[in-house]
């Protein structure tokens, strides 16, 4: 079972709804893992904006860089100050 499915089960959330959305994991303000990405909108050293199926996500910080970018996932490294959901 996946980590996100386990958390969803603990919270009593429907897996189908969770799987069609997005996930954000902030690693101690040093990196952010994003899952469910459809399109990269903006990338700079202070802001990264991406679209998902359900929302636009904005990562704000300093010295941000894309560490990894795959089909629907992204890892951003730097000094992360905030992760915002712009629905």
PDB file of N, CA and C in Angstrom:
ATOM      1  N   UNK A   1       0.847  -1.181   0.000  1.00  0.00           N
ATOM      2  CA  UNK A   1       0.000   0.000   0.000  1.00  0.00           C
ATOM      3  C   UNK A   1       0.891   1.242   0.000  1.00  0.00           C
ATOM      4  N   UNK A   2       0.468   2.260  -0.729  1.00  0.00           N
ATOM      5  CA  UNK A   2       1.267   3.482  -0.818  1.00  0.00           C
ATOM      6  C   UNK A   2       1.122   4.328   0.443  1.00  0.00           C
ATOM      7  N   UNK A   3       2.105   5.172   0.646  1.00  0.00           N
ATOM      8  CA  UNK A   3       2.096   6.083   1.795  1.00  0.00           C
ATOM      9  C   UNK A   3       0.843   6.954   1.794  1.00  0.00           C
ATOM     10  N   UNK A   4       0.516   7.537   0.623  1.00  0.00           N
ATOM     11  CA  UNK A   4      -0.637   8.436   0.541  1.00  0.00           C
ATOM     12  C   UNK A   4      -1.951   7.697   0.760  1.00  0.00           C
ATOM     13  N   UNK A   5      -2.034   6.454   0.295  1.00  0.00           N
ATOM     14  CA  UNK A   5      -3.244   5.667   0.527  1.00  0.00           C
ATOM     15  C   UNK A   5      -3.396   5.365   2.023  1.00  0.00           C
ATOM     16  N   UNK A   6      -2.304   5.045   2.696  1.00  0.00           N
ATOM     17  CA  UNK A   6      -2.353   4.785   4.139  1.00  0.00           C
ATOM     18  C   UNK A   6      -2.834   6.017   4.907  1.00  0.00           C
ATOM     19  N   UNK A   7      -2.302   7.186   4.569  1.00  0.00           N
ATOM     20  CA  UNK A   7      -2.722   8.416   5.236  1.00  0.00           C
ATOM     21  C   UNK A   7      -4.201   8.683   4.960  1.00  0.00           C
ATOM     22  N   UNK A   8      -4.624   8.512   3.703  1.00  0.00           N
ATOM     23  CA  UNK A   8      -6.028   8.685   3.348  1.00  0.00           C
ATOM     24  C   UNK A   8      -6.933   7.762   4.136  1.00  0.00           C
ATOM     25  N   UNK A   9      -6.523   6.510   4.295  1.00  0.00           N
ATOM     26  CA  UNK A   9      -7.309   5.564   5.087  1.00  0.00           C
ATOM     27  C   UNK A   9      -7.410   5.998   6.544  1.00  0.00           C
ATOM     28  N   UNK A  10      -6.288   6.459   7.102  1.00  0.00           N
ATOM     29  CA  UNK A  10      -6.309   6.933   8.488  1.00  0.00           C
ATOM     30  C   UNK A  10      -7.255   8.114   8.673  1.00  0.00           C
ATOM     31  N   UNK A  11      -7.336   8.975   7.654  1.00  0.00           N
ATOM     32  CA  UNK A  11      -8.195  10.157   7.723  1.00  0.00           C
ATOM     33  C   UNK A  11      -9.632   9.876   7.284  1.00  0.00           C
ATOM     34  N   UNK A  12      -9.874   8.656   6.793  1.00  0.00           N
ATOM     35  CA  UNK A  12     -11.214   8.301   6.344  1.00  0.00           C
ATOM     36  C   UNK A  12     -11.586   8.941   5.016  1.00  0.00           C
ATOM     37  N   UNK A  13     -10.585   9.197   4.157  1.00  0.00           N
ATOM     38  CA  UNK A  13     -10.837   9.840   2.871  1.00  0.00           C
ATOM     39  C   UNK A  13     -10.952   8.795   1.762  1.00  0.00           C
ATOM     40  N   UNK A  14     -11.774   9.086   0.773  1.00  0.00           N
ATOM     41  CA  UNK A  14     -11.998   8.215  -0.367  1.00  0.00           C
ATOM     42  C   UNK A  14     -10.763   8.206  -1.265  1.00  0.00           C
ATOM     43  N   UNK A  15     -10.189   7.030  -1.555  1.00  0.00           N
ATOM     44  CA  UNK A  15      -8.961   6.934  -2.332  1.00  0.00           C
ATOM     45  C   UNK A  15      -9.132   7.476  -3.743  1.00  0.00           C
ATOM     46  N   UNK A  16     -10.262   7.248  -4.377  1.00  0.00           N
ATOM     47  CA  UNK A  16     -10.479   7.737  -5.746  1.00  0.00           C
ATOM     48  C   UNK A  16     -10.379   9.256  -5.794  1.00  0.00           C
ATOM     49  N   UNK A  17     -10.908   9.931  -4.784  1.00  0.00           N
ATOM     50  CA  UNK A  17     -10.841  11.390  -4.737  1.00  0.00           C
ATOM     51  C   UNK A  17      -9.408  11.856  -4.489  1.00  0.00           C
ATOM     52  N   UNK A  18      -8.705  11.189  -3.620  1.00  0.00           N
ATOM     53  CA  UNK A  18      -7.320  11.564  -3.309  1.00  0.00           C
ATOM     54  C   UNK A  18      -6.428  11.348  -4.530  1.00  0.00           C
ATOM     55  N   UNK A  19      -6.586  10.227  -5.217  1.00  0.00           N
ATOM     56  CA  UNK A  19      -5.729   9.885  -6.346  1.00  0.00           C
ATOM     57  C   UNK A  19      -5.896  10.849  -7.513  1.00  0.00           C
ATOM     58  N   UNK A  20      -7.047  11.482  -7.636  1.00  0.00           N
ATOM     59  CA  UNK A  20      -7.261  12.397  -8.754  1.00  0.00           C
ATOM     60  C   UNK A  20      -6.834  13.826  -8.421  1.00  0.00           C
ATOM     61  N   UNK A  21      -6.296  14.042  -7.254  1.00  0.00           N
ATOM     62  CA  UNK A  21      -5.885  15.380  -6.841  1.00  0.00           C
ATOM     63  C   UNK A  21      -4.387  15.568  -6.871  1.00  0.00           C
ATOM     64  N   UNK A  22      -3.853  16.129  -5.802  1.00  0.00           N
ATOM     65  CA  UNK A  22      -2.427  16.416  -5.724  1.00  0.00           C
ATOM     66  C   UNK A  22      -1.948  16.144  -4.309  1.00  0.00           C
ATOM     67  N   UNK A  23      -0.641  16.023  -4.176  1.00  0.00           N
ATOM     68  CA  UNK A  23      -0.018  15.842  -2.862  1.00  0.00           C
ATOM     69  C   UNK A  23       1.174  16.785  -2.771  1.00  0.00           C
ATOM     70  N   UNK A  24       1.371  17.354  -1.576  1.00  0.00           N
ATOM     71  CA  UNK A  24       2.510  18.223  -1.299  1.00  0.00           C
ATOM     72  C   UNK A  24       3.178  17.705  -0.028  1.00  0.00           C
ATOM     73  N   UNK A  25       4.482  17.487  -0.098  1.00  0.00           N
ATOM     74  CA  UNK A  25       5.238  17.104   1.094  1.00  0.00           C
ATOM     75  C   UNK A  25       6.375  18.105   1.239  1.00  0.00           C
ATOM     76  N   UNK A  26       6.372  18.843   2.359  1.00  0.00           N
ATOM     77  CA  UNK A  26       7.423  19.818   2.651  1.00  0.00           C
ATOM     78  C   UNK A  26       8.424  19.153   3.590  1.00  0.00           C
ATOM     79  N   UNK A  27       9.648  19.003   3.131  1.00  0.00           N
ATOM     80  CA  UNK A  27      10.694  18.359   3.909  1.00  0.00           C
ATOM     81  C   UNK A  27      11.488  19.399   4.689  1.00  0.00           C
ATOM     82  N   UNK A  28      10.940  19.780   5.841  1.00  0.00           N
ATOM     83  CA  UNK A  28      11.660  20.628   6.786  1.00  0.00           C
ATOM     84  C   UNK A  28      12.072  21.979   6.203  1.00  0.00           C
ATOM     85  N   UNK A  29      11.316  22.476   5.216  1.00  0.00           N
ATOM     86  CA  UNK A  29      11.646  23.757   4.619  1.00  0.00           C
ATOM     87  C   UNK A  29      12.862  23.747   3.710  1.00  0.00           C
ATOM     88  N   UNK A  30      13.388  22.550   3.423  1.00  0.00           N
ATOM     89  CA  UNK A  30      14.574  22.423   2.581  1.00  0.00           C
ATOM     90  C   UNK A  30      14.265  21.884   1.193  1.00  0.00           C
ATOM     91  N   UNK A  31      13.118  21.224   1.047  1.00  0.00           N
ATOM     92  CA  UNK A  31      12.707  20.674  -0.240  1.00  0.00           C
ATOM     93  C   UNK A  31      11.206  20.419  -0.198  1.00  0.00           C
ATOM     94  N   UNK A  32      10.593  20.404  -1.375  1.00  0.00           N
ATOM     95  CA  UNK A  32       9.164  20.118  -1.497  1.00  0.00           C
ATOM     96  C   UNK A  32       8.983  19.079  -2.592  1.00  0.00           C
ATOM     97  N   UNK A  33       8.184  18.055  -2.289  1.00  0.00           N
ATOM     98  CA  UNK A  33       7.816  17.045  -3.272  1.00  0.00           C
ATOM     99  C   UNK A  33       6.371  17.321  -3.679  1.00  0.00           C
ATOM    100  N   UNK A  34       6.113  17.456  -4.987  1.00  0.00           N
ATOM    101  CA  UNK A  34       4.769  17.693  -5.513  1.00  0.00           C
ATOM    102  C   UNK A  34       4.379  16.519  -6.393  1.00  0.00           C
ATOM    103  N   UNK A  35       3.145  16.064  -6.239  1.00  0.00           N
ATOM    104  CA  UNK A  35       2.630  14.967  -7.048  1.00  0.00           C
ATOM    105  C   UNK A  35       1.286  15.377  -7.626  1.00  0.00           C
ATOM    106  N   UNK A  36       1.021  15.020  -8.871  1.00  0.00           N
ATOM    107  CA  UNK A  36      -0.233  15.361  -9.522  1.00  0.00           C
ATOM    108  C   UNK A  36      -0.127  16.577 -10.429  1.00  0.00           C
ATOM    109  N   UNK A  37       1.075  16.914 -10.840  1.00  0.00           N
ATOM    110  CA  UNK A  37       1.322  18.099 -11.664  1.00  0.00           C
ATOM    111  C   UNK A  37       0.855  17.861 -13.104  1.00  0.00           C
ATOM    112  N   UNK A  38       0.180  18.858 -13.659  1.00  0.00           N
ATOM    113  CA  UNK A  38      -0.210  18.814 -15.070  1.00  0.00           C
ATOM    114  C   UNK A  38       0.619  19.773 -15.918  1.00  0.00           C
ATOM    115  N   UNK A  39       0.973  20.942 -15.345  1.00  0.00           N
ATOM    116  CA  UNK A  39       1.663  21.963 -16.134  1.00  0.00           C
ATOM    117  C   UNK A  39       2.487  22.858 -15.215  1.00  0.00           C
ATOM    118  N   UNK A  40       3.703  23.191 -15.646  1.00  0.00           N
ATOM    119  CA  UNK A  40       4.552  24.140 -14.916  1.00  0.00           C
ATOM    120  C   UNK A  40       4.240  25.531 -15.476  1.00  0.00           C
ATOM    121  N   UNK A  41       3.860  26.457 -14.600  1.00  0.00           N
ATOM    122  CA  UNK A  41       3.454  27.805 -15.006  1.00  0.00           C
ATOM    123  C   UNK A  41       4.604  28.799 -14.898  1.00  0.00           C
ATOM    124  N   UNK A  42       5.318  28.789 -13.773  1.00  0.00           N
ATOM    125  CA  UNK A  42       6.387  29.766 -13.546  1.00  0.00           C
ATOM    126  C   UNK A  42       7.475  29.142 -12.677  1.00  0.00           C
ATOM    127  N   UNK A  43       8.725  29.453 -13.023  1.00  0.00           N
ATOM    128  CA  UNK A  43       9.861  28.993 -12.220  1.00  0.00           C
ATOM    129  C   UNK A  43      10.832  30.159 -12.077  1.00  0.00           C
ATOM    130  N   UNK A  44      11.146  30.497 -10.831  1.00  0.00           N
ATOM    131  CA  UNK A  44      12.196  31.477 -10.542  1.00  0.00           C
ATOM    132  C   UNK A  44      12.876  31.051  -9.253  1.00  0.00           C
ATOM    133  N   UNK A  45      13.869  31.804  -8.820  1.00  0.00           N
ATOM    134  CA  UNK A  45      14.570  31.416  -7.591  1.00  0.00           C
ATOM    135  C   UNK A  45      13.776  31.754  -6.330  1.00  0.00           C
ATOM    136  N   UNK A  46      12.631  32.454  -6.472  1.00  0.00           N
ATOM    137  CA  UNK A  46      11.800  32.802  -5.308  1.00  0.00           C
ATOM    138  C   UNK A  46      10.379  32.240  -5.392  1.00  0.00           C
ATOM    139  N   UNK A  47       9.998  31.646  -6.552  1.00  0.00           N
ATOM    140  CA  UNK A  47       8.632  31.153  -6.704  1.00  0.00           C
ATOM    141  C   UNK A  47       8.563  30.075  -7.791  1.00  0.00           C
ATOM    142  N   UNK A  48       7.801  29.020  -7.483  1.00  0.00           N
ATOM    143  CA  UNK A  48       7.485  27.993  -8.476  1.00  0.00           C
ATOM    144  C   UNK A  48       5.968  27.820  -8.436  1.00  0.00           C
ATOM    145  N   UNK A  49       5.333  27.907  -9.627  1.00  0.00           N
ATOM    146  CA  UNK A  49       3.880  27.772  -9.727  1.00  0.00           C
ATOM    147  C   UNK A  49       3.578  26.650 -10.703  1.00  0.00           C
ATOM    148  N   UNK A  50       2.706  25.720 -10.282  1.00  0.00           N
ATOM    149  CA  UNK A  50       2.303  24.601 -11.137  1.00  0.00           C
ATOM    150  C   UNK A  50       0.790  24.430 -11.077  1.00  0.00           C
ATOM    151  N   UNK A  51       0.233  23.864 -12.143  1.00  0.00           N
ATOM    152  CA  UNK A  51      -1.187  23.514 -12.161  1.00  0.00           C
ATOM    153  C   UNK A  51      -1.350  22.028 -11.933  1.00  0.00           C
ATOM    154  N   UNK A  52      -2.414  21.677 -11.206  1.00  0.00           N
ATOM    155  CA  UNK A  52      -2.836  20.294 -11.050  1.00  0.00           C
ATOM    156  C   UNK A  52      -4.263  20.217 -11.592  1.00  0.00           C
ATOM    157  N   UNK A  53      -4.863  19.049 -11.507  1.00  0.00           N
ATOM    158  CA  UNK A  53      -6.247  18.900 -11.962  1.00  0.00           C
ATOM    159  C   UNK A  53      -7.196  19.796 -11.195  1.00  0.00           C
ATOM    160  N   UNK A  54      -6.948  19.973  -9.910  1.00  0.00           N
ATOM    161  CA  UNK A  54      -7.904  20.649  -9.043  1.00  0.00           C
ATOM    162  C   UNK A  54      -7.491  22.034  -8.576  1.00  0.00           C
ATOM    163  N   UNK A  55      -6.215  22.375  -8.679  1.00  0.00           N
ATOM    164  CA  UNK A  55      -5.776  23.654  -8.109  1.00  0.00           C
ATOM    165  C   UNK A  55      -4.443  24.085  -8.706  1.00  0.00           C
ATOM    166  N   UNK A  56      -4.117  25.337  -8.457  1.00  0.00           N
ATOM    167  CA  UNK A  56      -2.799  25.880  -8.790  1.00  0.00           C
ATOM    168  C   UNK A  56      -2.007  25.918  -7.482  1.00  0.00           C
ATOM    169  N   UNK A  57      -0.767  25.406  -7.520  1.00  0.00           N
ATOM    170  CA  UNK A  57       0.085  25.365  -6.335  1.00  0.00           C
ATOM    171  C   UNK A  57       1.226  26.350  -6.510  1.00  0.00           C
ATOM    172  N   UNK A  58       1.546  27.050  -5.429  1.00  0.00           N
ATOM    173  CA  UNK A  58       2.607  28.057  -5.448  1.00  0.00           C
ATOM    174  C   UNK A  58       3.572  27.769  -4.304  1.00  0.00           C
ATOM    175  N   UNK A  59       4.842  27.603  -4.636  1.00  0.00           N
ATOM    176  CA  UNK A  59       5.892  27.391  -3.648  1.00  0.00           C
ATOM    177  C   UNK A  59       6.709  28.671  -3.601  1.00  0.00           C
ATOM    178  N   UNK A  60       6.859  29.232  -2.396  1.00  0.00           N
ATOM    179  CA  UNK A  60       7.564  30.499  -2.218  1.00  0.00           C
ATOM    180  C   UNK A  60       8.783  30.259  -1.328  1.00  0.00           C
ATOM    181  N   UNK A  61       9.903  30.904  -1.668  1.00  0.00           N
ATOM    182  CA  UNK A  61      11.097  30.758  -0.862  1.00  0.00           C
ATOM    183  C   UNK A  61      12.271  31.526  -1.433  1.00  0.00           C
ATOM    184  N   UNK A  62      13.460  31.018  -1.153  1.00  0.00           N
ATOM    185  CA  UNK A  62      14.696  31.621  -1.635  1.00  0.00           C
ATOM    186  C   UNK A  62      15.572  30.519  -2.214  1.00  0.00           C
ATOM    187  N   UNK A  63      16.323  30.868  -3.247  1.00  0.00           N
ATOM    188  CA  UNK A  63      17.248  29.930  -3.883  1.00  0.00           C
ATOM    189  C   UNK A  63      16.549  28.641  -4.315  1.00  0.00           C
ATOM    190  N   UNK A  64      15.314  28.766  -4.807  1.00  0.00           N
ATOM    191  CA  UNK A  64      14.562  27.596  -5.247  1.00  0.00           C
ATOM    192  C   UNK A  64      15.085  27.110  -6.593  1.00  0.00           C
ATOM    193  N   UNK A  65      15.136  25.808  -6.757  1.00  0.00           N
ATOM    194  CA  UNK A  65      15.497  25.220  -8.038  1.00  0.00           C
ATOM    195  C   UNK A  65      14.784  23.885  -8.174  1.00  0.00           C
ATOM    196  N   UNK A  66      14.516  23.520  -9.407  1.00  0.00           N
ATOM    197  CA  UNK A  66      13.888  22.229  -9.660  1.00  0.00           C
ATOM    198  C   UNK A  66      14.980  21.170  -9.628  1.00  0.00           C
ATOM    199  N   UNK A  67      14.884  20.296  -8.654  1.00  0.00           N
ATOM    200  CA  UNK A  67      15.867  19.229  -8.464  1.00  0.00           C
ATOM    201  C   UNK A  67      15.526  18.030  -9.349  1.00  0.00           C
ATOM    202  N   UNK A  68      14.223  17.757  -9.481  1.00  0.00           N
ATOM    203  CA  UNK A  68      13.760  16.626 -10.276  1.00  0.00           C
ATOM    204  C   UNK A  68      12.400  16.968 -10.875  1.00  0.00           C
ATOM    205  N   UNK A  69      12.206  16.619 -12.147  1.00  0.00           N
ATOM    206  CA  UNK A  69      10.931  16.842 -12.819  1.00  0.00           C
ATOM    207  C   UNK A  69      10.640  15.619 -13.668  1.00  0.00           C
ATOM    208  N   UNK A  70       9.541  14.941 -13.343  1.00  0.00           N
ATOM    209  CA  UNK A  70       9.127  13.779 -14.111  1.00  0.00           C
ATOM    210  C   UNK A  70       7.709  14.011 -14.597  1.00  0.00           C
ATOM    211  N   UNK A  71       7.072  12.994 -15.141  1.00  0.00           N
ATOM    212  CA  UNK A  71       5.773  13.169 -15.796  1.00  0.00           C
ATOM    213  C   UNK A  71       4.743  13.903 -14.941  1.00  0.00           C
ATOM    214  N   UNK A  72       4.528  13.495 -13.698  1.00  0.00           N
ATOM    215  CA  UNK A  72       3.533  14.142 -12.840  1.00  0.00           C
ATOM    216  C   UNK A  72       4.085  14.530 -11.479  1.00  0.00           C
ATOM    217  N   UNK A  73       5.400  14.457 -11.319  1.00  0.00           N
ATOM    218  CA  UNK A  73       6.003  14.765 -10.023  1.00  0.00           C
ATOM    219  C   UNK A  73       7.148  15.762 -10.176  1.00  0.00           C
ATOM    220  N   UNK A  74       7.432  16.451  -9.081  1.00  0.00           N
ATOM    221  CA  UNK A  74       8.503  17.452  -9.070  1.00  0.00           C
ATOM    222  C   UNK A  74       9.093  17.527  -7.669  1.00  0.00           C
ATOM    223  N   UNK A  75      10.394  17.715  -7.601  1.00  0.00           N
ATOM    224  CA  UNK A  75      11.064  18.014  -6.337  1.00  0.00           C
ATOM    225  C   UNK A  75      11.731  19.369  -6.489  1.00  0.00           C
ATOM    226  N   UNK A  76      11.439  20.259  -5.550  1.00  0.00           N
ATOM    227  CA  UNK A  76      12.012  21.601  -5.535  1.00  0.00           C
ATOM    228  C   UNK A  76      12.911  21.693  -4.316  1.00  0.00           C
ATOM    229  N   UNK A  77      14.136  22.171  -4.500  1.00  0.00           N
ATOM    230  CA  UNK A  77      15.060  22.361  -3.382  1.00  0.00           C
ATOM    231  C   UNK A  77      15.308  23.835  -3.180  1.00  0.00           C
ATOM    232  N   UNK A  78      15.670  24.201  -1.965  1.00  0.00           N
ATOM    233  CA  UNK A  78      15.960  25.578  -1.604  1.00  0.00           C
ATOM    234  C   UNK A  78      15.444  25.863  -0.210  1.00  0.00           C
ATOM    235  N   UNK A  79      15.315  27.134   0.136  1.00  0.00           N
ATOM    236  CA  UNK A  79      14.751  27.529   1.430  1.00  0.00           C
ATOM    237  C   UNK A  79      13.270  27.831   1.235  1.00  0.00           C
ATOM    238  N   UNK A  80      12.435  26.870   1.572  1.00  0.00           N
ATOM    239  CA  UNK A  80      10.999  26.972   1.322  1.00  0.00           C
ATOM    240  C   UNK A  80      10.327  27.718   2.476  1.00  0.00           C
ATOM    241  N   UNK A  81       9.662  28.828   2.153  1.00  0.00           N
ATOM    242  CA  UNK A  81       8.949  29.613   3.152  1.00  0.00           C
ATOM    243  C   UNK A  81       7.473  29.240   3.233  1.00  0.00           C
ATOM    244  N   UNK A  82       6.853  28.895   2.081  1.00  0.00           N
ATOM    245  CA  UNK A  82       5.417  28.603   2.079  1.00  0.00           C
ATOM    246  C   UNK A  82       5.022  27.747   0.881  1.00  0.00           C
ATOM    247  N   UNK A  83       3.972  26.982   1.075  1.00  0.00           N
ATOM    248  CA  UNK A  83       3.304  26.228   0.012  1.00  0.00           C
ATOM    249  C   UNK A  83       1.857  26.684   0.027  1.00  0.00           C
ATOM    250  N   UNK A  84       1.408  27.290  -1.077  1.00  0.00           N
ATOM    251  CA  UNK A  84       0.060  27.837  -1.125  1.00  0.00           C
ATOM    252  C   UNK A  84      -0.769  27.107  -2.186  1.00  0.00           C
ATOM    253  N   UNK A  85      -2.062  26.968  -1.895  1.00  0.00           N
ATOM    254  CA  UNK A  85      -3.008  26.415  -2.842  1.00  0.00           C
ATOM    255  C   UNK A  85      -3.867  27.562  -3.339  1.00  0.00           C
ATOM    256  N   UNK A  86      -3.851  27.800  -4.639  1.00  0.00           N
ATOM    257  CA  UNK A  86      -4.598  28.889  -5.255  1.00  0.00           C
ATOM    258  C   UNK A  86      -5.689  28.249  -6.111  1.00  0.00           C
ATOM    259  N   UNK A  87      -6.859  27.966  -5.527  1.00  0.00           N
ATOM    260  CA  UNK A  87      -7.925  27.252  -6.255  1.00  0.00           C
ATOM    261  C   UNK A  87      -8.678  28.146  -7.200  1.00  0.00           C
TER     262      UNK A  87
END
